[in-house]
PDB file of N, CA and C in Angstrom:
ATOM      1  N   MET A   1     -31.278  25.164  75.027  1.00  0.00           N
ATOM      2  CA  MET A   1     -31.273  25.797  73.765  1.00  0.00           C
ATOM      3  C   MET A   1     -30.091  25.719  73.031  1.00  0.00           C
ATOM      4  N   GLN A   2     -28.922  26.394  73.477  1.00  0.00           N
ATOM      5  CA  GLN A   2     -27.863  26.501  72.836  1.00  0.00           C
ATOM      6  C   GLN A   2     -27.384  24.955  72.223  1.00  0.00           C
ATOM      7  N   ALA A   3     -28.033  24.010  72.465  1.00  0.00           N
ATOM      8  CA  ALA A   3     -27.530  22.814  72.149  1.00  0.00           C
ATOM      9  C   ALA A   3     -27.730  22.431  70.962  1.00  0.00           C
ATOM     10  N   CYS A   4     -29.558  22.659  71.123  1.00  0.00           N
ATOM     11  CA  CYS A   4     -30.160  22.636  69.902  1.00  0.00           C
ATOM     12  C   CYS A   4     -29.677  23.517  68.547  1.00  0.00           C
ATOM     13  N   ILE A   5     -29.566  25.005  68.595  1.00  0.00           N
ATOM     14  CA  ILE A   5     -29.397  25.427  67.711  1.00  0.00           C
ATOM     15  C   ILE A   5     -27.837  24.874  67.352  1.00  0.00           C
ATOM     16  N   ARG A   6     -26.743  24.875  67.898  1.00  0.00           N
ATOM     17  CA  ARG A   6     -25.519  24.076  67.678  1.00  0.00           C
ATOM     18  C   ARG A   6     -25.642  22.762  66.885  1.00  0.00           C
ATOM     19  N   ARG A   7     -26.922  22.232  67.375  1.00  0.00           N
ATOM     20  CA  ARG A   7     -26.800  20.432  66.685  1.00  0.00           C
ATOM     21  C   ARG A   7     -27.598  21.103  65.001  1.00  0.00           C
ATOM     22  N   TRP A   8     -28.468  21.675  65.142  1.00  0.00           N
ATOM     23  CA  TRP A   8     -29.069  22.683  63.853  1.00  0.00           C
ATOM     24  C   TRP A   8     -28.388  23.007  62.683  1.00  0.00           C
ATOM     25  N   LEU A   9     -27.296  23.633  63.218  1.00  0.00           N
ATOM     26  CA  LEU A   9     -25.860  24.654  62.990  1.00  0.00           C
ATOM     27  C   LEU A   9     -25.189  23.234  61.922  1.00  0.00           C
ATOM     28  N   ALA A  10     -24.336  22.571  62.987  1.00  0.00           N
ATOM     29  CA  ALA A  10     -24.156  21.585  62.530  1.00  0.00           C
ATOM     30  C   ALA A  10     -24.561  20.525  61.252  1.00  0.00           C
ATOM     31  N   ARG A  11     -25.964  20.318  61.735  1.00  0.00           N
ATOM     32  CA  ARG A  11     -26.545  19.376  60.405  1.00  0.00           C
ATOM     33  C   ARG A  11     -26.814  20.399  59.314  1.00  0.00           C
ATOM     34  N   THR A  12     -26.873  21.439  59.068  1.00  0.00           N
ATOM     35  CA  THR A  12     -27.043  22.131  58.299  1.00  0.00           C
ATOM     36  C   THR A  12     -25.649  22.156  57.633  1.00  0.00           C
ATOM     37  N   ARG A  13     -24.843  22.441  57.923  1.00  0.00           N
ATOM     38  CA  ARG A  13     -23.748  22.743  57.117  1.00  0.00           C
ATOM     39  C   ARG A  13     -22.960  21.377  56.861  1.00  0.00           C
ATOM     40  N   TYR A  14     -23.642  20.235  57.949  1.00  0.00           N
ATOM     41  CA  TYR A  14     -22.894  18.732  57.300  1.00  0.00           C
ATOM     42  C   TYR A  14     -23.654  18.176  55.571  1.00  0.00           C
ATOM     43  N   GLN A  15     -25.060  18.745  55.749  1.00  0.00           N
ATOM     44  CA  GLN A  15     -25.752  18.554  54.452  1.00  0.00           C
ATOM     45  C   GLN A  15     -25.236  19.689  53.276  1.00  0.00           C
ATOM     46  N   LYS A  16     -25.089  20.656  53.735  1.00  0.00           N
ATOM     47  CA  LYS A  16     -24.271  21.669  52.522  1.00  0.00           C
ATOM     48  C   LYS A  16     -23.174  20.696  52.137  1.00  0.00           C
ATOM     49  N   GLU A  17     -22.114  20.984  52.825  1.00  0.00           N
ATOM     50  CA  GLU A  17     -21.029  20.095  52.363  1.00  0.00           C
ATOM     51  C   GLU A  17     -21.136  18.988  51.503  1.00  0.00           C
ATOM     52  N   LYS A  18     -22.156  17.724  52.269  1.00  0.00           N
ATOM     53  CA  LYS A  18     -22.605  16.617  51.732  1.00  0.00           C
ATOM     54  C   LYS A  18     -23.137  17.045  50.186  1.00  0.00           C
ATOM     55  N   TRP A  19     -23.981  17.662  50.092  1.00  0.00           N
ATOM     56  CA  TRP A  19     -24.293  18.430  48.629  1.00  0.00           C
ATOM     57  C   TRP A  19     -23.348  19.171  47.885  1.00  0.00           C
ATOM     58  N   GLN A  20     -22.324  19.821  48.502  1.00  0.00           N
ATOM     59  CA  GLN A  20     -21.432  20.156  47.301  1.00  0.00           C
ATOM     60  C   GLN A  20     -20.300  18.737  46.936  1.00  0.00           C
ATOM     61  N   VAL A  21     -19.736  18.162  47.960  1.00  0.00           N
ATOM     62  CA  VAL A  21     -19.352  16.821  47.389  1.00  0.00           C
ATOM     63  C   VAL A  21     -20.017  15.915  46.017  1.00  0.00           C
ATOM     64  N   ALA A  22     -21.510  15.914  46.433  1.00  0.00           N
ATOM     65  CA  ALA A  22     -22.075  15.431  45.305  1.00  0.00           C
ATOM     66  C   ALA A  22     -22.275  16.231  44.032  1.00  0.00           C
ATOM     67  N   ALA A  23     -22.351  17.394  44.429  1.00  0.00           N
ATOM     68  CA  ALA A  23     -22.051  18.084  43.107  1.00  0.00           C
ATOM     69  C   ALA A  23     -20.616  18.036  42.555  1.00  0.00           C
ATOM     70  N   SER A  24     -19.628  18.016  43.137  1.00  0.00           N
ATOM     71  CA  SER A  24     -18.303  17.991  42.649  1.00  0.00           C
ATOM     72  C   SER A  24     -18.035  16.745  41.920  1.00  0.00           C
ATOM     73  N   VAL A  25     -18.864  15.332  42.577  1.00  0.00           N
ATOM     74  CA  VAL A  25     -18.389  14.252  42.053  1.00  0.00           C
ATOM     75  C   VAL A  25     -19.316  13.890  40.688  1.00  0.00           C
ATOM     76  N   VAL A  26     -20.101  14.875  40.648  1.00  0.00           N
ATOM     77  CA  VAL A  26     -21.200  14.527  39.477  1.00  0.00           C
ATOM     78  C   VAL A  26     -20.653  15.484  38.009  1.00  0.00           C
ATOM     79  N   THR A  27     -19.975  16.548  38.985  1.00  0.00           N
ATOM     80  CA  THR A  27     -18.951  17.676  38.007  1.00  0.00           C
ATOM     81  C   THR A  27     -17.948  17.041  37.270  1.00  0.00           C
ATOM     82  N   LEU A  28     -16.742  16.002  38.037  1.00  0.00           N
ATOM     83  CA  LEU A  28     -16.119  15.316  37.987  1.00  0.00           C
ATOM     84  C   LEU A  28     -16.469  14.071  36.811  1.00  0.00           C
ATOM     85  N   GLN A  29     -17.238  13.690  37.532  1.00  0.00           N
ATOM     86  CA  GLN A  29     -18.036  12.399  36.363  1.00  0.00           C
ATOM     87  C   GLN A  29     -18.574  12.935  34.654  1.00  0.00           C
ATOM     88  N   LYS A  30     -18.523  14.274  34.903  1.00  0.00           N
ATOM     89  CA  LYS A  30     -19.282  15.279  33.593  1.00  0.00           C
ATOM     90  C   LYS A  30     -18.044  14.971  32.777  1.00  0.00           C
ATOM     91  N   PHE A  31     -16.771  15.642  33.326  1.00  0.00           N
ATOM     92  CA  PHE A  31     -15.897  16.261  32.996  1.00  0.00           C
ATOM     93  C   PHE A  31     -15.118  14.250  32.096  1.00  0.00           C
ATOM     94  N   VAL A  32     -15.006  13.337  33.250  1.00  0.00           N
ATOM     95  CA  VAL A  32     -14.684  12.455  32.582  1.00  0.00           C
ATOM     96  C   VAL A  32     -15.399  11.649  31.407  1.00  0.00           C
ATOM     97  N   ARG A  33     -16.277  11.666  31.643  1.00  0.00           N
ATOM     98  CA  ARG A  33     -17.457  10.667  30.508  1.00  0.00           C
ATOM     99  C   ARG A  33     -16.603  12.007  29.179  1.00  0.00           C
ATOM    100  N   GLY A  34     -16.760  13.370  29.194  1.00  0.00           N
ATOM    101  CA  GLY A  34     -16.501  13.757  27.893  1.00  0.00           C
ATOM    102  C   GLY A  34     -15.317  13.610  27.573  1.00  0.00           C
ATOM    103  N   TRP A  35     -14.311  13.630  28.136  1.00  0.00           N
ATOM    104  CA  TRP A  35     -13.253  13.364  27.887  1.00  0.00           C
ATOM    105  C   TRP A  35     -12.828  11.712  27.234  1.00  0.00           C
ATOM    106  N   LEU A  36     -13.469  11.002  27.770  1.00  0.00           N
ATOM    107  CA  LEU A  36     -13.544   9.467  27.424  1.00  0.00           C
ATOM    108  C   LEU A  36     -14.334   9.651  26.121  1.00  0.00           C
ATOM    109  N   THR A  37     -15.293  10.462  25.883  1.00  0.00           N
ATOM    110  CA  THR A  37     -15.882  10.246  24.274  1.00  0.00           C
ATOM    111  C   THR A  37     -14.991  10.768  23.528  1.00  0.00           C
ATOM    112  N   ARG A  38     -14.147  11.966  23.513  1.00  0.00           N
ATOM    113  CA  ARG A  38     -13.660  12.546  22.565  1.00  0.00           C
ATOM    114  C   ARG A  38     -12.265  11.446  22.497  1.00  0.00           C
ATOM    115  N   LYS A  39     -11.901  10.823  23.337  1.00  0.00           N
ATOM    116  CA  LYS A  39     -10.941   9.875  22.917  1.00  0.00           C
ATOM    117  C   LYS A  39     -11.092   8.569  22.402  1.00  0.00           C
ATOM    118  N   ARG A  40     -12.470   8.647  22.520  1.00  0.00           N
ATOM    119  CA  ARG A  40     -13.048   6.930  21.616  1.00  0.00           C
ATOM    120  C   ARG A  40     -13.467   7.835  20.337  1.00  0.00           C
ATOM    121  N   ILE A  41     -13.981   8.877  19.941  1.00  0.00           N
ATOM    122  CA  ILE A  41     -14.392   9.300  18.829  1.00  0.00           C
ATOM    123  C   ILE A  41     -13.182  10.008  17.976  1.00  0.00           C
ATOM    124  N   ALA A  42     -11.846  10.393  18.654  1.00  0.00           N
ATOM    125  CA  ALA A  42     -10.817  10.265  17.730  1.00  0.00           C
ATOM    126  C   ALA A  42     -10.413   9.167  17.440  1.00  0.00           C
ATOM    127  N   LYS A  43     -10.463   8.036  18.323  1.00  0.00           N
ATOM    128  CA  LYS A  43      -9.853   7.136  17.749  1.00  0.00           C
ATOM    129  C   LYS A  43     -10.534   6.073  16.777  1.00  0.00           C
ATOM    130  N   LEU A  44     -11.607   6.272  16.536  1.00  0.00           N
ATOM    131  CA  LEU A  44     -12.576   5.661  15.669  1.00  0.00           C
ATOM    132  C   LEU A  44     -12.352   6.710  14.354  1.00  0.00           C
ATOM    133  N   GLN A  45     -11.983   7.950  14.340  1.00  0.00           N
ATOM    134  CA  GLN A  45     -11.722   8.897  13.043  1.00  0.00           C
ATOM    135  C   GLN A  45     -10.476   8.380  12.649  1.00  0.00           C
ATOM    136  N   GLN A  46      -9.515   8.249  13.483  1.00  0.00           N
ATOM    137  CA  GLN A  46      -8.484   7.863  13.060  1.00  0.00           C
ATOM    138  C   GLN A  46      -8.355   6.386  12.514  1.00  0.00           C
ATOM    139  N   GLN A  47      -9.420   5.650  12.886  1.00  0.00           N
ATOM    140  CA  GLN A  47      -9.313   4.248  12.533  1.00  0.00           C
ATOM    141  C   GLN A  47      -9.938   4.094  10.951  1.00  0.00           C
ATOM    142  N   GLU A  48     -11.063   5.281  10.563  1.00  0.00           N
ATOM    143  CA  GLU A  48     -11.622   5.524   9.517  1.00  0.00           C
ATOM    144  C   GLU A  48     -10.634   6.213   8.562  1.00  0.00           C
ATOM    145  N   ARG A  49      -9.729   7.271   8.974  1.00  0.00           N
ATOM    146  CA  ARG A  49      -9.046   7.737   8.188  1.00  0.00           C
ATOM    147  C   ARG A  49      -8.026   6.365   7.422  1.00  0.00           C
ATOM    148  N   GLU A  50      -7.269   5.737   8.301  1.00  0.00           N
ATOM    149  CA  GLU A  50      -6.296   4.798   7.967  1.00  0.00           C
ATOM    150  C   GLU A  50      -7.183   3.950   6.971  1.00  0.00           C
ATOM    151  N   ALA A  51      -8.570   3.382   7.217  1.00  0.00           N
ATOM    152  CA  ALA A  51      -9.216   2.651   6.598  1.00  0.00           C
ATOM    153  C   ALA A  51      -9.157   3.400   4.888  1.00  0.00           C
ATOM    154  N   GLN A  52      -9.509   4.443   4.953  1.00  0.00           N
ATOM    155  CA  GLN A  52      -9.693   5.220   3.458  1.00  0.00           C
ATOM    156  C   GLN A  52      -8.242   5.519   2.457  1.00  0.00           C
ATOM    157  N   LEU A  53      -7.345   5.631   3.626  1.00  0.00           N
ATOM    158  CA  LEU A  53      -5.920   5.822   3.475  1.00  0.00           C
ATOM    159  C   LEU A  53      -5.530   4.339   2.624  1.00  0.00           C
ATOM    160  N   LEU A  54      -6.087   2.981   3.280  1.00  0.00           N
ATOM    161  CA  LEU A  54      -5.766   1.822   2.870  1.00  0.00           C
ATOM    162  C   LEU A  54      -6.361   1.390   1.549  1.00  0.00           C
ATOM    163  N   LYS A  55      -7.717   2.104   1.716  1.00  0.00           N
ATOM    164  CA  LYS A  55      -8.206   2.284   0.182  1.00  0.00           C
ATOM    165  C   LYS A  55      -8.186   2.837  -1.306  1.00  0.00           C
ATOM    166  N   LYS A  56      -7.570   4.240  -0.791  1.00  0.00           N
ATOM    167  CA  LYS A  56      -6.677   4.985  -1.662  1.00  0.00           C
ATOM    168  C   LYS A  56      -5.620   3.906  -2.264  1.00  0.00           C
ATOM    169  N   GLN A  57      -4.646   3.510  -1.249  1.00  0.00           N
ATOM    170  CA  GLN A  57      -3.472   3.090  -2.014  1.00  0.00           C
ATOM    171  C   GLN A  57      -3.626   1.725  -2.671  1.00  0.00           C
ATOM    172  N   GLU A  58      -4.545   0.890  -2.488  1.00  0.00           N
ATOM    173  CA  GLU A  58      -4.791  -0.033  -3.091  1.00  0.00           C
ATOM    174  C   GLU A  58      -5.335   0.459  -4.424  1.00  0.00           C
ATOM    175  N   LYS A  59      -6.132   1.420  -4.465  1.00  0.00           N
ATOM    176  CA  LYS A  59      -6.539   2.017  -5.438  1.00  0.00           C
ATOM    177  C   LYS A  59      -5.451   2.329  -6.524  1.00  0.00           C
ATOM    178  N   ILE A  60      -4.317   3.100  -5.662  1.00  0.00           N
ATOM    179  CA  ILE A  60      -3.324   3.367  -6.687  1.00  0.00           C
ATOM    180  C   ILE A  60      -2.517   2.216  -7.473  1.00  0.00           C
ATOM    181  N   ARG A  61      -2.407   1.476  -6.232  1.00  0.00           N
ATOM    182  CA  ARG A  61      -1.645  -0.077  -6.680  1.00  0.00           C
ATOM    183  C   ARG A  61      -2.406  -0.661  -7.968  1.00  0.00           C
ATOM    184  N   GLN A  62      -3.426  -0.644  -8.025  1.00  0.00           N
ATOM    185  CA  GLN A  62      -4.004  -1.331  -9.086  1.00  0.00           C
ATOM    186  C   GLN A  62      -3.713  -0.374 -10.453  1.00  0.00           C
ATOM    187  N   ARG A  63      -4.133   0.849 -10.161  1.00  0.00           N
ATOM    188  CA  ARG A  63      -3.912   1.490 -11.432  1.00  0.00           C
ATOM    189  C   ARG A  63      -2.371   1.326 -11.928  1.00  0.00           C
ATOM    190  N   ILE A  64      -1.459   1.495 -10.874  1.00  0.00           N
ATOM    191  CA  ILE A  64      -0.149   1.429 -10.950  1.00  0.00           C
ATOM    192  C   ILE A  64      -0.058  -0.382 -12.100  1.00  0.00           C
ATOM    193  N   LYS A  65      -0.187  -1.157 -11.156  1.00  0.00           N
ATOM    194  CA  LYS A  65      -0.445  -2.375 -11.562  1.00  0.00           C
ATOM    195  C   LYS A  65      -0.952  -2.575 -13.376  1.00  0.00           C
ATOM    196  N   LYS A  66      -2.222  -1.903 -13.568  1.00  0.00           N
ATOM    197  CA  LYS A  66      -3.254  -2.154 -15.066  1.00  0.00           C
ATOM    198  C   LYS A  66      -2.026  -1.306 -15.599  1.00  0.00           C
ATOM    199  N   GLU A  67      -1.502  -0.020 -15.737  1.00  0.00           N
ATOM    200  CA  GLU A  67      -0.466   0.593 -16.292  1.00  0.00           C
ATOM    201  C   GLU A  67       0.550  -0.170 -16.449  1.00  0.00           C
ATOM    202  N   LYS A  68       1.076  -0.804 -15.896  1.00  0.00           N
ATOM    203  CA  LYS A  68       2.295  -2.014 -16.020  1.00  0.00           C
ATOM    204  C   LYS A  68       1.807  -2.635 -17.116  1.00  0.00           C
ATOM    205  N   ASP A  69       0.720  -2.959 -16.690  1.00  0.00           N
ATOM    206  CA  ASP A  69       0.472  -4.588 -17.740  1.00  0.00           C
ATOM    207  C   ASP A  69       0.490  -4.247 -19.082  1.00  0.00           C
ATOM    208  N   VAL A  70      -0.167  -2.740 -19.316  1.00  0.00           N
ATOM    209  CA  VAL A  70      -0.402  -2.156 -20.299  1.00  0.00           C
ATOM    210  C   VAL A  70       0.796  -1.711 -21.032  1.00  0.00           C
ATOM    211  N   LYS A  71       1.738  -1.518 -20.639  1.00  0.00           N
ATOM    212  CA  LYS A  71       3.003  -1.208 -20.967  1.00  0.00           C
ATOM    213  C   LYS A  71       3.784  -2.821 -21.694  1.00  0.00           C
ATOM    214  N   MET A  72       3.409  -3.193 -20.863  1.00  0.00           N
ATOM    215  CA  MET A  72       4.218  -4.907 -21.454  1.00  0.00           C
ATOM    216  C   MET A  72       3.712  -5.548 -22.562  1.00  0.00           C
ATOM    217  N   GLU A  73       2.337  -5.037 -22.305  1.00  0.00           N
ATOM    218  CA  GLU A  73       1.410  -5.756 -23.492  1.00  0.00           C
ATOM    219  C   GLU A  73       1.861  -4.892 -24.643  1.00  0.00           C
ATOM    220  N   ASP A  74       1.942  -3.833 -24.410  1.00  0.00           N
ATOM    221  CA  ASP A  74       2.377  -2.728 -25.942  1.00  0.00           C
ATOM    222  C   ASP A  74       3.994  -3.287 -26.205  1.00  0.00           C
ATOM    223  N   GLY A  75       4.698  -3.880 -25.096  1.00  0.00           N
ATOM    224  CA  GLY A  75       6.262  -4.035 -25.262  1.00  0.00           C
ATOM    225  C   GLY A  75       6.003  -5.568 -25.984  1.00  0.00           C
ATOM    226  N   LYS A  76       4.915  -6.279 -25.412  1.00  0.00           N
ATOM    227  CA  LYS A  76       5.099  -7.810 -26.436  1.00  0.00           C
ATOM    228  C   LYS A  76       4.649  -7.231 -27.718  1.00  0.00           C
ATOM    229  N   LYS A  77       3.388  -6.721 -27.871  1.00  0.00           N
ATOM    230  CA  LYS A  77       3.173  -5.974 -29.474  1.00  0.00           C
ATOM    231  C   LYS A  77       4.296  -5.568 -30.321  1.00  0.00           C
ATOM    232  N   GLU A  78       4.725  -4.757 -29.752  1.00  0.00           N
ATOM    233  CA  GLU A  78       5.980  -3.987 -30.303  1.00  0.00           C
ATOM    234  C   GLU A  78       7.312  -5.036 -30.730  1.00  0.00           C
ATOM    235  N   LYS A  79       7.584  -6.063 -30.359  1.00  0.00           N
ATOM    236  CA  LYS A  79       8.355  -7.563 -30.332  1.00  0.00           C
ATOM    237  C   LYS A  79       7.901  -8.005 -31.387  1.00  0.00           C
ATOM    238  N   LYS A  80       6.521  -8.417 -31.079  1.00  0.00           N
ATOM    239  CA  LYS A  80       5.722  -9.092 -32.262  1.00  0.00           C
ATOM    240  C   LYS A  80       6.113  -8.588 -33.561  1.00  0.00           C
ATOM    241  N   ASN A  81       5.780  -7.498 -33.482  1.00  0.00           N
ATOM    242  CA  ASN A  81       5.811  -6.870 -35.178  1.00  0.00           C
ATOM    243  C   ASN A  81       7.390  -7.018 -35.287  1.00  0.00           C
ATOM    244  N   TRP A  82       8.068  -6.773 -34.823  1.00  0.00           N
ATOM    245  CA  TRP A  82       9.402  -6.462 -35.176  1.00  0.00           C
ATOM    246  C   TRP A  82      10.036  -8.030 -35.474  1.00  0.00           C
ATOM    247  N   LEU A  83       9.169  -9.004 -35.226  1.00  0.00           N
ATOM    248  CA  LEU A  83      10.115 -10.154 -35.297  1.00  0.00           C
ATOM    249  C   LEU A  83       9.448 -10.597 -36.548  1.00  0.00           C
ATOM    250  N   ARG A  84       7.815 -10.121 -36.670  1.00  0.00           N
ATOM    251  CA  ARG A  84       7.202 -10.368 -38.073  1.00  0.00           C
ATOM    252  C   ARG A  84       7.776  -9.710 -38.850  1.00  0.00           C
ATOM    253  N   THR A  85       8.118  -8.689 -38.856  1.00  0.00           N
ATOM    254  CA  THR A  85       9.113  -7.525 -39.618  1.00  0.00           C
ATOM    255  C   THR A  85      10.135  -8.335 -40.351  1.00  0.00           C
ATOM    256  N   LYS A  86      10.919  -8.871 -39.317  1.00  0.00           N
ATOM    257  CA  LYS A  86      12.329  -9.468 -39.504  1.00  0.00           C
ATOM    258  C   LYS A  86      11.964 -10.694 -40.257  1.00  0.00           C
ATOM    259  N   LEU A  87      11.071 -11.848 -39.921  1.00  0.00           N
ATOM    260  CA  LEU A  87      11.014 -13.259 -40.465  1.00  0.00           C
ATOM    261  C   LEU A  87      10.255 -12.826 -41.846  1.00  0.00           C
ATOM    262  N   GLY A  88       9.648 -11.847 -42.221  1.00  0.00           N
ATOM    263  CA  GLY A  88       9.099 -11.336 -43.488  1.00  0.00           C
ATOM    264  C   GLY A  88      10.097 -10.740 -44.252  1.00  0.00           C
ATOM    265  N   ARG A  89      11.006 -10.451 -43.653  1.00  0.00           N
ATOM    266  CA  ARG A  89      12.199  -9.914 -44.731  1.00  0.00           C
ATOM    267  C   ARG A  89      12.734 -11.101 -45.383  1.00  0.00           C
ATOM    268  N   LYS A  90      13.528 -11.903 -44.343  1.00  0.00           N
ATOM    269  CA  LYS A  90      14.037 -12.975 -44.370  1.00  0.00           C
ATOM    270  C   LYS A  90      13.399 -13.677 -45.806  1.00  0.00           C
ATOM    271  N   LYS A  91      12.086 -13.961 -45.178  1.00  0.00           N
ATOM    272  CA  LYS A  91      11.400 -14.791 -46.694  1.00  0.00           C
ATOM    273  C   LYS A  91      11.171 -14.207 -47.447  1.00  0.00           C
ATOM    274  N   SER A  92      11.364 -12.944 -48.018  1.00  0.00           N
ATOM    275  CA  SER A  92      11.301 -12.306 -48.747  1.00  0.00           C
ATOM    276  C   SER A  92      11.892 -13.121 -49.969  1.00  0.00           C
ATOM    277  N   SER A  93      12.348 -12.466 -51.241  1.00  0.00           N
ATOM    278  CA  SER A  93      12.389 -13.426 -52.544  1.00  0.00           C
ATOM    279  C   SER A  93      14.429 -12.622 -52.374  1.00  0.00           C
ATOM    280  N   GLN A  94      14.056 -11.309 -52.194  1.00  0.00           N
ATOM    281  CA  GLN A  94      15.750 -10.607 -51.617  1.00  0.00           C
ATOM    282  C   GLN A  94      16.553 -11.271 -50.328  1.00  0.00           C
ATOM    283  N   VAL A  95      17.573 -12.199 -50.440  1.00  0.00           N
ATOM    284  CA  VAL A  95      18.461 -12.924 -49.862  1.00  0.00           C
ATOM    285  C   VAL A  95      19.592 -12.108 -49.562  1.00  0.00           C
ATOM    286  N   ILE A  96      19.635 -11.428 -49.000  1.00  0.00           N
ATOM    287  CA  ILE A  96      20.952 -10.882 -48.513  1.00  0.00           C
ATOM    288  C   ILE A  96      22.005 -11.803 -47.822  1.00  0.00           C
ATOM    289  N   LYS A  97      23.437 -11.671 -48.466  1.00  0.00           N
ATOM    290  CA  LYS A  97      24.521 -12.403 -47.901  1.00  0.00           C
ATOM    291  C   LYS A  97      25.020 -11.485 -47.502  1.00  0.00           C
ATOM    292  N   CYS A  98      25.111 -11.888 -46.368  1.00  0.00           N
ATOM    293  CA  CYS A  98      26.432 -10.734 -45.024  1.00  0.00           C
ATOM    294  C   CYS A  98      27.883 -11.535 -45.651  1.00  0.00           C
ATOM    295  N   PHE A  99      28.286 -12.741 -45.184  1.00  0.00           N
ATOM    296  CA  PHE A  99      29.115 -13.503 -45.324  1.00  0.00           C
ATOM    297  C   PHE A  99      29.639 -14.115 -46.217  1.00  0.00           C
ATOM    298  N   PRO A 100      30.422 -14.473 -46.770  1.00  0.00           N
ATOM    299  CA  PRO A 100      30.724 -15.220 -48.297  1.00  0.00           C
ATOM    300  C   PRO A 100      30.957 -16.494 -47.318  1.00  0.00           C
ATOM    301  N   LYS A 101      30.715 -17.464 -48.279  1.00  0.00           N
ATOM    302  CA  LYS A 101      31.079 -18.902 -48.178  1.00  0.00           C
ATOM    303  C   LYS A 101      32.354 -19.128 -48.058  1.00  0.00           C
ATOM    304  N   GLN A 102      32.621 -19.650 -46.827  1.00  0.00           N
ATOM    305  CA  GLN A 102      34.041 -20.055 -46.059  1.00  0.00           C
ATOM    306  C   GLN A 102      34.528 -21.564 -46.760  1.00  0.00           C
ATOM    307  N   PRO A 103      35.587 -21.789 -46.816  1.00  0.00           N
ATOM    308  CA  PRO A 103      35.826 -23.228 -47.108  1.00  0.00           C
ATOM    309  C   PRO A 103      35.924 -24.256 -45.684  1.00  0.00           C
ATOM    310  N   ILE A 104      35.312 -25.539 -46.079  1.00  0.00           N
ATOM    311  CA  ILE A 104      35.177 -26.426 -44.992  1.00  0.00           C
ATOM    312  C   ILE A 104      36.035 -27.266 -45.029  1.00  0.00           C
ATOM    313  N   ILE A 105      36.757 -27.317 -43.924  1.00  0.00           N
ATOM    314  CA  ILE A 105      38.067 -27.823 -43.564  1.00  0.00           C
ATOM    315  C   ILE A 105      37.667 -29.307 -42.733  1.00  0.00           C
ATOM    316  N   LYS A 106      38.198 -30.335 -43.382  1.00  0.00           N
ATOM    317  CA  LYS A 106      37.578 -31.581 -42.988  1.00  0.00           C
ATOM    318  C   LYS A 106      38.725 -32.274 -42.364  1.00  0.00           C
ATOM    319  N   LYS A 107      38.839 -32.904 -41.257  1.00  0.00           N
ATOM    320  CA  LYS A 107      40.338 -33.681 -40.659  1.00  0.00           C
ATOM    321  C   LYS A 107      40.454 -35.271 -41.093  1.00  0.00           C
ATOM    322  N   LYS A 108      41.275 -35.937 -41.552  1.00  0.00           N
ATOM    323  CA  LYS A 108      41.505 -37.268 -41.740  1.00  0.00           C
ATOM    324  C   LYS A 108      41.849 -37.538 -40.278  1.00  0.00           C
ATOM    325  N   LYS A 109      42.182 -39.151 -40.315  1.00  0.00           N
ATOM    326  CA  LYS A 109      42.478 -39.772 -39.114  1.00  0.00           C
ATOM    327  C   LYS A 109      43.827 -39.457 -39.106  1.00  0.00           C
ATOM    328  N   LYS A 110      44.513 -38.852 -40.057  1.00  0.00           N
ATOM    329  CA  LYS A 110      45.767 -38.378 -39.391  1.00  0.00           C
ATOM    330  C   LYS A 110      45.912 -37.108 -39.463  1.00  0.00           C
ATOM    331  N   LYS A 111      46.671 -36.552 -38.751  1.00  0.00           N
ATOM    332  CA  LYS A 111      46.931 -35.346 -38.120  1.00  0.00           C
ATOM    333  C   LYS A 111      47.777 -34.621 -39.455  1.00  0.00           C
ATOM    334  N   GLN A 112      48.397 -35.064 -40.112  1.00  0.00           N
ATOM    335  CA  GLN A 112      49.453 -34.523 -41.564  1.00  0.00           C
ATOM    336  C   GLN A 112      48.438 -34.139 -42.797  1.00  0.00           C
ATOM    337  N   ASP A 113      47.257 -35.094 -42.784  1.00  0.00           N
ATOM    338  CA  ASP A 113      46.546 -34.751 -44.222  1.00  0.00           C
ATOM    339  C   ASP A 113      45.136 -34.037 -44.010  1.00  0.00           C
ATOM    340  N   LEU A 114      45.061 -32.902 -44.474  1.00  0.00           N
ATOM    341  CA  LEU A 114      44.187 -31.901 -44.396  1.00  0.00           C
ATOM    342  C   LEU A 114      43.597 -31.814 -45.350  1.00  0.00           C
ATOM    343  N   ILE A 115      42.305 -32.056 -45.679  1.00  0.00           N
ATOM    344  CA  ILE A 115      41.828 -31.605 -46.932  1.00  0.00           C
ATOM    345  C   ILE A 115      40.704 -30.428 -47.040  1.00  0.00           C
ATOM    346  N   ILE A 116      41.001 -29.885 -47.981  1.00  0.00           N
ATOM    347  CA  ILE A 116      40.113 -28.225 -47.883  1.00  0.00           C
ATOM    348  C   ILE A 116      39.133 -28.799 -49.155  1.00  0.00           C
ATOM    349  N   GLU A 117      38.128 -28.094 -48.852  1.00  0.00           N
ATOM    350  CA  GLU A 117      37.217 -28.272 -50.404  1.00  0.00           C
ATOM    351  C   GLU A 117      36.948 -26.912 -51.039  1.00  0.00           C
TER     352      GLU A 117
END
């Protein structure tokens, strides 16, 4: 009789411990799954932020390039206008002579004979 009761107590203790181990494994799995999921979501969010940042950078680069192109076009227009005004002044009837005509020195074959016109 005493052996039957000890066997029953041992069996119940064993089943109780087995249930606790199973419950602790499930709990551990639950926490690990949660941790892995949070890690995966954080990685996806980081990738999404990087993608958005790259899009913003590309937009900024395009805007800067467009502004630079506009400035270059404006500069070219100013140069063209400046050149047109310069050429227009030269074509006008008023010709400004800045330098007097200088004499032309021609050399003959001999070094001693120089002709000045």
